[in-house]
N, C-alpha and C. Protein backbone atom coordinates (compact mmCIF):
# COMPACT_ATOMS: atom_id res chain seq x y z
N MET A 1 5.59 -0.04 -18.97
CA MET A 1 4.95 -0.74 -18.05
C MET A 1 4.50 0.16 -17.02
N SER A 2 3.04 0.25 -16.50
CA SER A 2 2.98 1.32 -15.85
C SER A 2 3.42 1.11 -14.44
N LYS A 3 3.90 2.20 -13.67
CA LYS A 3 4.51 2.25 -12.30
C LYS A 3 3.61 3.00 -11.36
N LYS A 4 2.35 2.73 -11.38
CA LYS A 4 1.53 3.40 -10.47
C LYS A 4 1.26 2.72 -9.37
N ILE A 5 1.26 3.32 -8.05
CA ILE A 5 1.20 2.92 -6.89
C ILE A 5 0.18 3.88 -6.16
N LEU A 6 -0.92 2.83 -5.48
CA LEU A 6 -1.87 3.25 -4.63
C LEU A 6 -1.39 3.33 -3.04
N VAL A 7 -1.18 4.38 -2.33
CA VAL A 7 -0.73 4.54 -1.13
C VAL A 7 -1.84 4.95 -0.12
N ILE A 8 -2.36 4.28 0.90
CA ILE A 8 -3.67 4.41 1.68
C ILE A 8 -3.02 4.52 3.18
N ASP A 9 -3.37 5.66 3.54
CA ASP A 9 -2.95 6.14 5.22
C ASP A 9 -3.82 6.90 5.43
N ASP A 10 -4.24 7.12 6.62
CA ASP A 10 -5.20 8.24 7.22
C ASP A 10 -4.38 9.45 7.82
N ASP A 11 -2.82 9.20 7.67
CA ASP A 11 -2.22 10.39 8.20
C ASP A 11 -1.56 11.27 6.86
N PRO A 12 -1.98 12.39 6.66
CA PRO A 12 -2.07 13.26 5.28
C PRO A 12 -0.42 13.43 5.41
N GLY A 13 0.30 13.63 6.63
CA GLY A 13 1.87 14.07 6.58
C GLY A 13 2.76 12.63 5.94
N ILE A 14 2.25 11.42 6.31
CA ILE A 14 2.74 10.24 6.15
C ILE A 14 2.77 10.10 4.47
N LEU A 15 1.31 10.30 4.08
CA LEU A 15 1.04 10.26 2.54
C LEU A 15 1.85 11.11 1.84
N GLY A 16 2.15 12.33 2.31
CA GLY A 16 2.76 13.11 1.64
C GLY A 16 4.25 12.92 1.45
N VAL A 17 4.85 12.43 2.53
CA VAL A 17 6.27 12.08 2.64
C VAL A 17 6.49 11.00 1.53
N ILE A 18 5.64 9.55 1.73
CA ILE A 18 5.73 8.51 0.60
C ILE A 18 5.65 8.89 -0.54
N LYS A 19 4.52 9.80 -0.90
CA LYS A 19 4.17 10.25 -2.52
C LYS A 19 5.61 11.05 -2.97
N ALA A 20 6.02 11.90 -2.18
CA ALA A 20 7.43 12.56 -2.67
C ALA A 20 8.24 11.70 -2.92
N ARG A 21 8.64 11.02 -2.11
CA ARG A 21 9.78 10.13 -2.13
C ARG A 21 9.64 9.06 -3.24
N LEU A 22 8.55 8.50 -3.41
CA LEU A 22 8.47 7.70 -4.61
C LEU A 22 8.19 8.36 -5.94
N GLU A 23 7.67 9.58 -6.06
CA GLU A 23 7.53 10.32 -7.24
C GLU A 23 8.88 10.54 -7.67
N ALA A 24 9.84 10.95 -6.45
CA ALA A 24 11.37 10.96 -7.02
C ALA A 24 12.04 10.03 -7.73
N CYS A 25 11.65 8.90 -7.33
CA CYS A 25 11.98 7.44 -8.13
C CYS A 25 11.09 7.06 -9.12
N GLU A 26 10.35 8.35 -9.86
CA GLU A 26 9.65 8.26 -11.04
C GLU A 26 8.54 6.99 -10.93
N PHE A 27 7.55 6.87 -9.82
CA PHE A 27 6.58 6.16 -9.60
C PHE A 27 5.45 7.30 -9.71
N GLU A 28 4.25 6.87 -10.41
CA GLU A 28 3.34 7.54 -10.51
C GLU A 28 2.38 7.22 -9.24
N VAL A 29 2.15 7.86 -8.26
CA VAL A 29 1.48 7.90 -6.89
C VAL A 29 -0.04 8.31 -6.86
N VAL A 30 -0.94 7.72 -6.44
CA VAL A 30 -2.24 8.09 -6.21
C VAL A 30 -2.58 7.65 -4.65
N THR A 31 -3.03 8.61 -3.99
CA THR A 31 -3.21 8.48 -2.48
C THR A 31 -4.82 8.43 -2.01
N ALA A 32 -5.18 7.90 -1.02
CA ALA A 32 -6.37 7.90 -0.09
C ALA A 32 -6.28 7.95 0.97
N LEU A 33 -7.18 8.19 1.97
CA LEU A 33 -7.14 8.56 3.18
C LEU A 33 -7.82 7.79 4.21
N ASP A 34 -8.46 6.96 3.54
CA ASP A 34 -8.97 5.59 4.21
C ASP A 34 -9.29 4.34 3.37
N GLY A 35 -9.47 3.10 3.57
CA GLY A 35 -9.48 1.88 3.06
C GLY A 35 -10.92 1.94 2.14
N ASP A 36 -11.94 2.54 2.72
CA ASP A 36 -13.13 2.68 1.79
C ASP A 36 -12.71 3.42 0.52
N GLU A 37 -12.08 4.76 0.83
CA GLU A 37 -11.68 5.64 -0.56
C GLU A 37 -10.71 4.69 -1.27
N GLY A 38 -9.67 4.14 -0.68
CA GLY A 38 -8.77 3.26 -1.47
C GLY A 38 -9.33 2.15 -2.41
N LEU A 39 -10.12 1.52 -1.61
CA LEU A 39 -11.17 0.31 -2.26
C LEU A 39 -11.70 0.97 -3.69
N ARG A 40 -12.61 1.98 -3.70
CA ARG A 40 -13.13 2.58 -4.69
C ARG A 40 -12.23 3.16 -5.74
N MET A 41 -11.04 3.29 -5.54
CA MET A 41 -10.12 3.95 -6.56
C MET A 41 -9.39 2.93 -7.37
N ILE A 42 -9.55 1.66 -6.90
CA ILE A 42 -8.88 0.53 -7.56
C ILE A 42 -9.22 0.36 -8.92
N PRO A 43 -10.43 0.24 -9.10
CA PRO A 43 -10.84 -0.21 -10.55
C PRO A 43 -10.67 0.97 -11.53
N GLN A 44 -10.47 2.24 -11.14
CA GLN A 44 -10.51 3.39 -11.99
C GLN A 44 -8.70 3.66 -12.08
N GLU A 45 -8.20 3.47 -10.94
CA GLU A 45 -6.77 3.77 -11.11
C GLU A 45 -5.81 2.70 -11.47
N LYS A 46 -5.98 1.37 -11.26
CA LYS A 46 -5.56 0.39 -11.78
C LYS A 46 -4.26 0.06 -11.49
N PRO A 47 -3.77 0.38 -9.84
CA PRO A 47 -2.34 0.36 -9.39
C PRO A 47 -1.72 -0.64 -9.63
N LYS A 48 -0.49 -0.83 -9.63
CA LYS A 48 0.45 -2.02 -9.94
C LYS A 48 0.94 -2.67 -8.69
N LEU A 49 0.80 -1.64 -7.81
CA LEU A 49 1.31 -1.94 -6.21
C LEU A 49 0.36 -1.18 -5.46
N ILE A 50 0.02 -1.73 -4.15
CA ILE A 50 -0.61 -0.98 -3.16
C ILE A 50 0.02 -1.02 -1.86
N ILE A 51 -0.10 0.10 -1.08
CA ILE A 51 0.73 0.32 0.14
C ILE A 51 -0.29 0.69 1.07
N THR A 52 -0.53 0.01 2.10
CA THR A 52 -1.54 0.54 3.12
C THR A 52 -1.11 0.42 4.57
N ASP A 53 -1.77 1.21 5.27
CA ASP A 53 -1.85 1.55 6.99
C ASP A 53 -2.73 0.38 7.50
N VAL A 54 -2.31 0.10 8.64
CA VAL A 54 -3.39 -1.10 9.15
C VAL A 54 -4.72 -0.31 9.96
N MET A 55 -4.12 0.61 10.77
CA MET A 55 -5.12 1.52 11.58
C MET A 55 -5.73 2.60 11.05
N MET A 56 -6.77 2.63 10.47
CA MET A 56 -7.41 3.86 9.71
C MET A 56 -8.75 3.57 10.30
N PRO A 57 -9.71 4.92 9.81
CA PRO A 57 -10.92 4.90 10.29
C PRO A 57 -11.50 4.09 9.12
N ASN A 58 -13.13 3.93 9.26
CA ASN A 58 -13.93 3.19 8.26
C ASN A 58 -13.91 1.98 7.86
N MET A 59 -12.24 1.74 7.28
CA MET A 59 -12.03 0.37 7.01
C MET A 59 -10.75 0.20 7.29
N ASP A 60 -10.24 -0.83 8.20
CA ASP A 60 -8.87 -0.81 8.53
C ASP A 60 -8.09 -1.71 7.46
N GLY A 61 -6.69 -1.65 7.61
CA GLY A 61 -6.09 -2.40 6.67
C GLY A 61 -6.00 -3.98 6.17
N TYR A 62 -6.34 -4.41 7.35
CA TYR A 62 -6.78 -5.75 7.37
C TYR A 62 -7.81 -6.27 6.57
N SER A 63 -9.14 -5.40 6.84
CA SER A 63 -10.37 -5.65 6.19
C SER A 63 -10.14 -5.26 4.36
N LEU A 64 -9.55 -4.27 4.23
CA LEU A 64 -8.77 -3.67 3.01
C LEU A 64 -8.42 -4.89 2.15
N ILE A 65 -7.45 -5.35 2.76
CA ILE A 65 -6.59 -6.44 2.15
C ILE A 65 -7.58 -7.59 1.68
N LEU A 66 -8.70 -8.09 2.58
CA LEU A 66 -9.49 -9.12 2.29
C LEU A 66 -10.36 -8.79 1.18
N GLU A 67 -10.86 -7.29 1.08
CA GLU A 67 -11.53 -6.79 0.10
C GLU A 67 -10.90 -7.01 -1.41
N ILE A 68 -9.63 -6.39 -1.43
CA ILE A 68 -8.75 -6.42 -2.50
C ILE A 68 -8.70 -7.70 -3.20
N LYS A 69 -8.42 -8.68 -2.36
CA LYS A 69 -8.55 -10.17 -2.62
C LYS A 69 -9.65 -10.58 -3.06
N ARG A 70 -10.94 -10.11 -3.16
CA ARG A 70 -12.18 -10.12 -3.74
C ARG A 70 -12.27 -9.69 -5.21
N LEU A 71 -11.70 -8.51 -5.44
CA LEU A 71 -11.77 -7.83 -6.67
C LEU A 71 -11.27 -8.51 -7.84
N GLU A 72 -11.74 -8.83 -9.04
CA GLU A 72 -11.19 -9.51 -10.10
C GLU A 72 -9.84 -8.77 -10.46
N GLU A 73 -10.03 -7.28 -10.63
CA GLU A 73 -8.89 -6.80 -11.08
C GLU A 73 -7.94 -6.42 -10.43
N ALA A 74 -7.88 -6.51 -9.06
CA ALA A 74 -6.97 -6.59 -8.13
C ALA A 74 -6.38 -7.76 -7.23
N LYS A 75 -7.08 -8.80 -7.21
CA LYS A 75 -6.80 -9.84 -6.52
C LYS A 75 -5.21 -10.16 -6.66
N ASP A 76 -4.45 -9.93 -7.69
CA ASP A 76 -2.94 -10.36 -7.99
C ASP A 76 -2.20 -9.12 -7.67
N VAL A 77 -2.49 -7.93 -7.41
CA VAL A 77 -1.86 -6.81 -7.29
C VAL A 77 -1.11 -6.94 -5.81
N PRO A 78 0.33 -6.84 -5.82
CA PRO A 78 0.93 -7.03 -4.50
C PRO A 78 0.60 -5.70 -3.42
N VAL A 79 0.56 -6.09 -2.05
CA VAL A 79 0.55 -5.17 -1.11
C VAL A 79 1.43 -5.12 -0.45
N ILE A 80 1.98 -3.89 0.20
CA ILE A 80 2.76 -3.82 1.17
C ILE A 80 2.08 -3.10 2.13
N VAL A 81 2.22 -3.62 3.40
CA VAL A 81 1.67 -3.30 4.71
C VAL A 81 2.56 -2.23 5.57
N LEU A 82 1.96 -1.17 5.93
CA LEU A 82 2.84 -0.01 6.89
C LEU A 82 2.18 0.02 8.25
N THR A 83 2.86 -0.15 9.06
CA THR A 83 2.32 -0.58 10.48
C THR A 83 3.04 -0.18 11.70
N ALA A 84 2.60 0.28 12.70
CA ALA A 84 3.14 0.06 14.09
C ALA A 84 2.92 -1.09 14.94
N LYS A 85 2.23 -2.03 14.29
CA LYS A 85 1.84 -3.09 14.70
C LYS A 85 2.74 -4.24 14.51
N GLU A 86 3.93 -4.53 15.10
CA GLU A 86 4.85 -5.48 14.71
C GLU A 86 4.37 -6.88 14.93
N MET A 87 3.50 -7.10 15.72
CA MET A 87 2.97 -8.49 15.77
C MET A 87 2.22 -9.24 15.03
N MET A 88 1.66 -8.51 14.30
CA MET A 88 0.76 -9.09 12.83
C MET A 88 1.24 -9.46 11.94
N GLU A 89 2.57 -9.30 11.63
CA GLU A 89 3.16 -9.91 10.57
C GLU A 89 2.85 -11.28 9.94
N ASP A 90 3.02 -12.17 10.59
CA ASP A 90 2.12 -13.72 10.19
C ASP A 90 0.89 -13.37 9.90
N LEU A 91 -0.11 -12.99 10.41
CA LEU A 91 -1.64 -12.84 9.96
C LEU A 91 -1.44 -12.21 8.73
N PHE A 92 -0.72 -11.13 8.37
CA PHE A 92 -0.59 -10.47 7.11
C PHE A 92 -0.24 -11.16 6.26
N LYS A 93 1.07 -11.95 6.47
CA LYS A 93 1.73 -12.87 5.26
C LYS A 93 0.61 -13.89 4.75
N LEU A 94 -0.45 -14.56 5.98
CA LEU A 94 -1.24 -15.46 5.40
C LEU A 94 -2.06 -15.03 4.43
N GLU A 95 -2.49 -13.69 4.49
CA GLU A 95 -3.41 -12.92 3.46
C GLU A 95 -2.41 -12.80 2.11
N GLY A 96 -1.36 -12.99 1.88
CA GLY A 96 -0.73 -12.53 0.75
C GLY A 96 0.00 -11.50 0.56
N VAL A 97 0.42 -10.76 1.73
CA VAL A 97 0.83 -9.51 1.98
C VAL A 97 2.61 -9.64 1.33
N VAL A 98 3.19 -8.93 0.67
CA VAL A 98 4.28 -9.15 0.02
C VAL A 98 5.39 -8.69 0.73
N ASP A 99 5.15 -7.73 1.61
CA ASP A 99 6.06 -6.90 2.58
C ASP A 99 5.47 -6.49 3.70
N TYR A 100 6.02 -6.12 4.72
CA TYR A 100 5.33 -5.57 5.80
C TYR A 100 6.52 -4.93 6.48
N ILE A 101 6.34 -3.50 6.75
CA ILE A 101 7.16 -2.49 7.02
C ILE A 101 6.81 -1.43 8.35
N VAL A 102 7.54 -1.91 9.15
CA VAL A 102 6.93 -1.40 10.77
C VAL A 102 7.49 0.33 10.83
N LYS A 103 6.31 1.04 11.12
CA LYS A 103 6.47 2.48 11.34
C LYS A 103 7.15 2.78 12.78
N PRO A 104 8.17 3.66 12.77
CA PRO A 104 8.51 4.63 11.91
C PRO A 104 9.45 3.87 11.04
N PHE A 105 9.46 4.18 9.83
CA PHE A 105 10.11 3.42 8.74
C PHE A 105 11.14 4.43 8.23
N GLU A 106 12.37 3.78 7.38
CA GLU A 106 13.32 4.48 6.60
C GLU A 106 12.84 4.67 5.18
N SER A 107 12.72 5.86 4.50
CA SER A 107 12.16 5.88 3.29
C SER A 107 13.04 5.06 2.27
N GLY A 108 14.24 4.94 2.46
CA GLY A 108 15.04 4.11 1.82
C GLY A 108 14.63 2.58 1.57
N LYS A 109 13.90 1.83 2.56
CA LYS A 109 13.65 0.71 3.17
C LYS A 109 12.39 0.68 2.30
N LEU A 110 11.57 1.66 2.34
CA LEU A 110 10.35 1.47 1.72
C LEU A 110 10.56 1.40 0.14
N VAL A 111 11.39 2.39 -0.39
CA VAL A 111 11.69 2.27 -1.78
C VAL A 111 12.09 1.15 -2.24
N ALA A 112 13.13 0.59 -1.70
CA ALA A 112 13.82 -0.83 -1.89
C ALA A 112 12.74 -1.96 -2.16
N ALA A 113 11.87 -1.80 -1.13
CA ALA A 113 10.51 -3.05 -1.24
C ALA A 113 9.77 -2.69 -2.18
N VAL A 114 9.33 -1.30 -2.56
CA VAL A 114 8.60 -1.02 -3.84
C VAL A 114 9.34 -1.25 -5.10
N LYS A 115 10.63 -1.24 -5.22
CA LYS A 115 11.47 -1.59 -6.69
C LYS A 115 11.51 -3.16 -6.97
N LYS A 116 11.34 -3.91 -5.79
CA LYS A 116 11.43 -5.10 -6.02
C LYS A 116 10.24 -5.67 -6.84
N HIS A 117 9.36 -4.98 -6.86
CA HIS A 117 8.02 -5.15 -7.78
C HIS A 117 8.03 -4.64 -9.19
N PHE A 118 8.79 -3.69 -9.25
CA PHE A 118 9.06 -2.95 -10.84
C PHE A 118 10.30 -3.40 -11.34
N PRO A 119 10.46 -4.52 -11.83
CA PRO A 119 11.96 -4.96 -12.63
C PRO A 119 11.99 -3.74 -13.59
N GLU A 120 13.34 -3.18 -13.77
CA GLU A 120 13.57 -2.22 -14.68
C GLU A 120 13.67 -2.92 -16.21
């Protein structure tokens, strides 16, 4: 089974940390710097999980999630949201977000959330 994850965040530093941590756990990680780029990557990369920030230029995380759910090849792909906005959890859960992690986050918590979607 593919263990490919698409991580979308406009902060290259955060992308680098997440990528390194997940690759150390034997996940394949592809990254995008905004929602537009991430959305374009989905058909070719076919991720099994998407992790996205909320506050990004061009297309924010909320709009991205709505667009993902419209894509036939991605509508069932689980999405984990990373954000500094604690108050939006209910809104994201209504859109089918499987996990919601508030920044700053512990990498162990993120890895645990990711592993729930990749049974051994």
